[in-house]
């Protein structure tokens, strides 16, 4: 028996069958020499942009929310490296993002370890530049049962091959 192919972006996989949501404006900047991709996302009701940095040198994803004095750092897992590879490979042919009816929507929960900030010396130059003068906190994918979690903020990102992910952060109690 053949199992169906798994989508390459395996998030926390609460794939939400969503109504046709308008997705945010998004600009993708690729730096091939550094193996880095920066995605700038401007939510529809906002004139502030989020920055999401896939940093292949330090092996981290860094989220810099608009209107919020913190950066969130996540270690890249296998699926994130695959996402980075796709972003780099499709950048040349990207143009604008066409989101069709077969767009997959997923949600990913990241738990923020807010107890103490990360030492900027540990995180690599690109993250330091992005998060200058801003405390940086580790975040990790939420595992286990969906207990009652106070979602702090969410950001919507769309990737090549029509996968849009709503990444939501919540603080773990110290």
C-alpha atoms as a PDB file:
ATOM      1  CA  UNK A   1       0.000   0.000   0.000  1.00  0.00           C
ATOM      2  CA  UNK A   2       1.384   3.353  -0.978  1.00  0.00           C
ATOM      3  CA  UNK A   3       0.975   6.131   1.522  1.00  0.00           C
ATOM      4  CA  UNK A   4       0.226   9.528   0.001  1.00  0.00           C
ATOM      5  CA  UNK A   5       3.278  11.790  -0.321  1.00  0.00           C
ATOM      6  CA  UNK A   6       3.678  14.050   2.661  1.00  0.00           C
ATOM      7  CA  UNK A   7       3.676  17.790   2.013  1.00  0.00           C
ATOM      8  CA  UNK A   8       7.229  19.084   2.326  1.00  0.00           C
ATOM      9  CA  UNK A   9       6.326  21.681   4.875  1.00  0.00           C
ATOM     10  CA  UNK A  10       5.237  19.642   7.840  1.00  0.00           C
ATOM     11  CA  UNK A  11       4.111  22.066  10.430  1.00  0.00           C
ATOM     12  CA  UNK A  12       2.172  21.328  13.557  1.00  0.00           C
ATOM     13  CA  UNK A  13      -0.342  20.178  10.970  1.00  0.00           C
ATOM     14  CA  UNK A  14      -3.534  21.716  12.146  1.00  0.00           C
ATOM     15  CA  UNK A  15      -4.361  22.343   8.571  1.00  0.00           C
ATOM     16  CA  UNK A  16      -7.305  24.649   8.702  1.00  0.00           C
ATOM     17  CA  UNK A  17      -9.824  24.454   5.887  1.00  0.00           C
ATOM     18  CA  UNK A  18     -10.071  28.196   5.711  1.00  0.00           C
ATOM     19  CA  UNK A  19     -12.360  30.443   3.747  1.00  0.00           C
ATOM     20  CA  UNK A  20     -10.590  32.369   1.007  1.00  0.00           C
ATOM     21  CA  UNK A  21      -8.581  34.662   3.233  1.00  0.00           C
ATOM     22  CA  UNK A  22      -6.734  37.504   1.627  1.00  0.00           C
ATOM     23  CA  UNK A  23      -3.101  36.925   2.464  1.00  0.00           C
ATOM     24  CA  UNK A  24      -0.626  39.610   3.414  1.00  0.00           C
ATOM     25  CA  UNK A  25       1.796  41.420   1.162  1.00  0.00           C
ATOM     26  CA  UNK A  26       5.085  39.630   1.148  1.00  0.00           C
ATOM     27  CA  UNK A  27       8.546  40.331  -0.245  1.00  0.00           C
ATOM     28  CA  UNK A  28      11.253  37.685  -0.369  1.00  0.00           C
ATOM     29  CA  UNK A  29      14.913  38.698  -0.435  1.00  0.00           C
ATOM     30  CA  UNK A  30      17.391  35.926  -1.215  1.00  0.00           C
ATOM     31  CA  UNK A  31      21.111  36.085  -0.485  1.00  0.00           C
ATOM     32  CA  UNK A  32      22.529  33.013  -2.182  1.00  0.00           C
ATOM     33  CA  UNK A  33      26.120  33.581  -1.126  1.00  0.00           C
ATOM     34  CA  UNK A  34      25.088  33.539   2.528  1.00  0.00           C
ATOM     35  CA  UNK A  35      22.384  30.871   2.077  1.00  0.00           C
ATOM     36  CA  UNK A  36      19.913  33.252   3.629  1.00  0.00           C
ATOM     37  CA  UNK A  37      16.368  34.344   2.878  1.00  0.00           C
ATOM     38  CA  UNK A  38      14.576  37.296   4.437  1.00  0.00           C
ATOM     39  CA  UNK A  39      10.811  37.478   4.069  1.00  0.00           C
ATOM     40  CA  UNK A  40       9.130  40.802   4.794  1.00  0.00           C
ATOM     41  CA  UNK A  41       5.445  40.410   5.559  1.00  0.00           C
ATOM     42  CA  UNK A  42       3.040  43.318   5.850  1.00  0.00           C
ATOM     43  CA  UNK A  43      -0.301  42.274   7.361  1.00  0.00           C
ATOM     44  CA  UNK A  44      -3.365  43.669   5.647  1.00  0.00           C
ATOM     45  CA  UNK A  45      -4.578  45.806   8.551  1.00  0.00           C
ATOM     46  CA  UNK A  46      -1.137  47.149   9.323  1.00  0.00           C
ATOM     47  CA  UNK A  47       1.525  49.386   7.876  1.00  0.00           C
ATOM     48  CA  UNK A  48       4.277  47.683   9.866  1.00  0.00           C
ATOM     49  CA  UNK A  49       6.248  44.780   8.439  1.00  0.00           C
ATOM     50  CA  UNK A  50       7.397  41.593  10.071  1.00  0.00           C
ATOM     51  CA  UNK A  51      10.785  40.188   9.111  1.00  0.00           C
ATOM     52  CA  UNK A  52      11.385  36.446   8.975  1.00  0.00           C
ATOM     53  CA  UNK A  53      14.999  35.423   8.421  1.00  0.00           C
ATOM     54  CA  UNK A  54      15.958  31.908   7.350  1.00  0.00           C
ATOM     55  CA  UNK A  55      19.656  31.919   8.209  1.00  0.00           C
ATOM     56  CA  UNK A  56      21.406  28.928   6.693  1.00  0.00           C
ATOM     57  CA  UNK A  57      24.713  29.941   8.269  1.00  0.00           C
ATOM     58  CA  UNK A  58      23.594  29.803  11.876  1.00  0.00           C
ATOM     59  CA  UNK A  59      20.855  27.222  11.257  1.00  0.00           C
ATOM     60  CA  UNK A  60      18.145  29.419  12.764  1.00  0.00           C
ATOM     61  CA  UNK A  61      14.929  31.107  11.788  1.00  0.00           C
ATOM     62  CA  UNK A  62      14.540  34.536  13.316  1.00  0.00           C
ATOM     63  CA  UNK A  63      11.179  36.305  13.602  1.00  0.00           C
ATOM     64  CA  UNK A  64      11.189  40.055  14.137  1.00  0.00           C
ATOM     65  CA  UNK A  65       7.595  41.170  14.772  1.00  0.00           C
ATOM     66  CA  UNK A  66       6.431  44.624  13.868  1.00  0.00           C
ATOM     67  CA  UNK A  67       5.405  46.803  16.813  1.00  0.00           C
ATOM     68  CA  UNK A  68       6.989  44.454  19.297  1.00  0.00           C
ATOM     69  CA  UNK A  69      10.257  44.829  21.138  1.00  0.00           C
ATOM     70  CA  UNK A  70      11.527  41.278  20.833  1.00  0.00           C
ATOM     71  CA  UNK A  71      12.971  38.792  18.374  1.00  0.00           C
ATOM     72  CA  UNK A  72      12.127  35.107  18.399  1.00  0.00           C
ATOM     73  CA  UNK A  73      14.706  32.549  17.347  1.00  0.00           C
ATOM     74  CA  UNK A  74      14.009  28.971  16.322  1.00  0.00           C
ATOM     75  CA  UNK A  75      16.474  26.238  15.421  1.00  0.00           C
ATOM     76  CA  UNK A  76      15.920  24.967  11.905  1.00  0.00           C
ATOM     77  CA  UNK A  77      14.755  21.383  11.538  1.00  0.00           C
ATOM     78  CA  UNK A  78      14.893  19.199   8.432  1.00  0.00           C
ATOM     79  CA  UNK A  79      11.674  20.662   7.041  1.00  0.00           C
ATOM     80  CA  UNK A  80      12.973  24.209   7.527  1.00  0.00           C
ATOM     81  CA  UNK A  81      16.167  23.435   5.605  1.00  0.00           C
ATOM     82  CA  UNK A  82      13.956  22.098   2.833  1.00  0.00           C
ATOM     83  CA  UNK A  83      11.925  25.314   2.925  1.00  0.00           C
ATOM     84  CA  UNK A  84      15.106  27.386   2.721  1.00  0.00           C
ATOM     85  CA  UNK A  85      16.326  25.339  -0.241  1.00  0.00           C
ATOM     86  CA  UNK A  86      12.996  25.838  -2.014  1.00  0.00           C
ATOM     87  CA  UNK A  87      12.996  29.570  -1.295  1.00  0.00           C
ATOM     88  CA  UNK A  88      16.499  29.933  -2.714  1.00  0.00           C
ATOM     89  CA  UNK A  89      15.762  27.770  -5.750  1.00  0.00           C
ATOM     90  CA  UNK A  90      12.477  29.441  -6.611  1.00  0.00           C
ATOM     91  CA  UNK A  91      13.692  32.984  -6.036  1.00  0.00           C
ATOM     92  CA  UNK A  92      14.989  33.308  -9.562  1.00  0.00           C
ATOM     93  CA  UNK A  93      11.694  32.249 -11.072  1.00  0.00           C
ATOM     94  CA  UNK A  94       9.467  33.803  -8.495  1.00  0.00           C
ATOM     95  CA  UNK A  95       7.954  37.010  -9.766  1.00  0.00           C
ATOM     96  CA  UNK A  96       4.703  37.365  -7.886  1.00  0.00           C
ATOM     97  CA  UNK A  97       3.041  34.746  -5.772  1.00  0.00           C
ATOM     98  CA  UNK A  98       0.013  33.168  -7.363  1.00  0.00           C
ATOM     99  CA  UNK A  99      -2.127  31.576  -4.702  1.00  0.00           C
ATOM    100  CA  UNK A 100      -4.575  29.194  -6.236  1.00  0.00           C
ATOM    101  CA  UNK A 101      -7.429  27.133  -4.902  1.00  0.00           C
ATOM    102  CA  UNK A 102      -5.043  24.379  -3.927  1.00  0.00           C
ATOM    103  CA  UNK A 103      -3.304  26.557  -1.357  1.00  0.00           C
ATOM    104  CA  UNK A 104      -2.670  24.632   1.851  1.00  0.00           C
ATOM    105  CA  UNK A 105      -3.112  26.530   5.079  1.00  0.00           C
ATOM    106  CA  UNK A 106      -1.340  25.275   8.164  1.00  0.00           C
ATOM    107  CA  UNK A 107      -0.792  26.613  11.629  1.00  0.00           C
ATOM    108  CA  UNK A 108       2.373  26.260  13.621  1.00  0.00           C
ATOM    109  CA  UNK A 109       2.634  26.972  17.340  1.00  0.00           C
ATOM    110  CA  UNK A 110       5.920  28.169  18.787  1.00  0.00           C
ATOM    111  CA  UNK A 111       6.491  28.296  22.522  1.00  0.00           C
ATOM    112  CA  UNK A 112       8.592  31.298  23.552  1.00  0.00           C
ATOM    113  CA  UNK A 113      11.045  30.741  26.375  1.00  0.00           C
ATOM    114  CA  UNK A 114      10.687  34.196  27.846  1.00  0.00           C
ATOM    115  CA  UNK A 115      12.623  33.596  31.052  1.00  0.00           C
ATOM    116  CA  UNK A 116      15.912  34.969  29.799  1.00  0.00           C
ATOM    117  CA  UNK A 117      17.149  36.618  26.650  1.00  0.00           C
ATOM    118  CA  UNK A 118      19.693  34.978  24.347  1.00  0.00           C
ATOM    119  CA  UNK A 119      23.234  36.343  24.332  1.00  0.00           C
ATOM    120  CA  UNK A 120      23.501  38.116  20.952  1.00  0.00           C
ATOM    121  CA  UNK A 121      27.076  36.870  20.589  1.00  0.00           C
ATOM    122  CA  UNK A 122      25.697  33.345  20.147  1.00  0.00           C
ATOM    123  CA  UNK A 123      23.362  34.012  17.277  1.00  0.00           C
ATOM    124  CA  UNK A 124      25.363  35.039  14.220  1.00  0.00           C
ATOM    125  CA  UNK A 125      25.819  38.367  12.481  1.00  0.00           C
ATOM    126  CA  UNK A 126      22.637  38.395  10.381  1.00  0.00           C
ATOM    127  CA  UNK A 127      20.392  37.791  13.375  1.00  0.00           C
ATOM    128  CA  UNK A 128      22.310  40.449  15.313  1.00  0.00           C
ATOM    129  CA  UNK A 129      21.713  42.938  12.513  1.00  0.00           C
ATOM    130  CA  UNK A 130      18.031  42.114  12.306  1.00  0.00           C
ATOM    131  CA  UNK A 131      17.484  42.261  16.059  1.00  0.00           C
ATOM    132  CA  UNK A 132      19.815  45.110  16.949  1.00  0.00           C
ATOM    133  CA  UNK A 133      19.048  46.518  20.415  1.00  0.00           C
ATOM    134  CA  UNK A 134      16.151  44.094  20.778  1.00  0.00           C
ATOM    135  CA  UNK A 135      16.069  41.178  23.210  1.00  0.00           C
ATOM    136  CA  UNK A 136      16.124  37.778  21.510  1.00  0.00           C
ATOM    137  CA  UNK A 137      14.255  34.782  22.911  1.00  0.00           C
ATOM    138  CA  UNK A 138      14.364  31.141  21.912  1.00  0.00           C
ATOM    139  CA  UNK A 139      11.151  29.635  20.631  1.00  0.00           C
ATOM    140  CA  UNK A 140      10.488  25.989  19.930  1.00  0.00           C
ATOM    141  CA  UNK A 141       7.807  24.038  18.146  1.00  0.00           C
ATOM    142  CA  UNK A 142       5.022  23.111  20.477  1.00  0.00           C
ATOM    143  CA  UNK A 143       4.704  19.410  21.016  1.00  0.00           C
ATOM    144  CA  UNK A 144       2.111  17.470  22.885  1.00  0.00           C
ATOM    145  CA  UNK A 145      -1.546  18.154  23.602  1.00  0.00           C
ATOM    146  CA  UNK A 146      -3.125  21.469  22.740  1.00  0.00           C
ATOM    147  CA  UNK A 147      -3.643  22.687  26.245  1.00  0.00           C
ATOM    148  CA  UNK A 148      -5.229  26.065  26.751  1.00  0.00           C
ATOM    149  CA  UNK A 149      -2.604  28.390  25.380  1.00  0.00           C
ATOM    150  CA  UNK A 150      -2.709  32.122  25.369  1.00  0.00           C
ATOM    151  CA  UNK A 151      -1.676  32.988  21.827  1.00  0.00           C
ATOM    152  CA  UNK A 152       0.392  36.102  21.926  1.00  0.00           C
ATOM    153  CA  UNK A 153       0.717  37.007  18.272  1.00  0.00           C
ATOM    154  CA  UNK A 154       0.536  35.328  14.869  1.00  0.00           C
ATOM    155  CA  UNK A 155       2.124  35.979  11.504  1.00  0.00           C
ATOM    156  CA  UNK A 156       1.034  34.601   8.137  1.00  0.00           C
ATOM    157  CA  UNK A 157       3.713  33.539   5.677  1.00  0.00           C
ATOM    158  CA  UNK A 158       3.297  31.982   2.247  1.00  0.00           C
ATOM    159  CA  UNK A 159       5.938  29.709   0.766  1.00  0.00           C
ATOM    160  CA  UNK A 160       6.534  28.384  -2.732  1.00  0.00           C
ATOM    161  CA  UNK A 161       4.266  25.533  -3.825  1.00  0.00           C
ATOM    162  CA  UNK A 162       1.232  27.247  -2.348  1.00  0.00           C
ATOM    163  CA  UNK A 163       1.644  26.558   1.335  1.00  0.00           C
ATOM    164  CA  UNK A 164       0.652  29.329   3.702  1.00  0.00           C
ATOM    165  CA  UNK A 165       1.435  29.022   7.360  1.00  0.00           C
ATOM    166  CA  UNK A 166       0.125  30.955  10.285  1.00  0.00           C
ATOM    167  CA  UNK A 167       2.949  30.947  12.844  1.00  0.00           C
ATOM    168  CA  UNK A 168       1.633  31.725  16.325  1.00  0.00           C
ATOM    169  CA  UNK A 169       3.676  32.436  19.419  1.00  0.00           C
ATOM    170  CA  UNK A 170       2.818  31.962  23.046  1.00  0.00           C
ATOM    171  CA  UNK A 171       4.902  32.363  26.164  1.00  0.00           C
ATOM    172  CA  UNK A 172       5.705  29.399  28.341  1.00  0.00           C
ATOM    173  CA  UNK A 173       5.237  30.153  32.019  1.00  0.00           C
ATOM    174  CA  UNK A 174       8.651  30.605  33.601  1.00  0.00           C
END
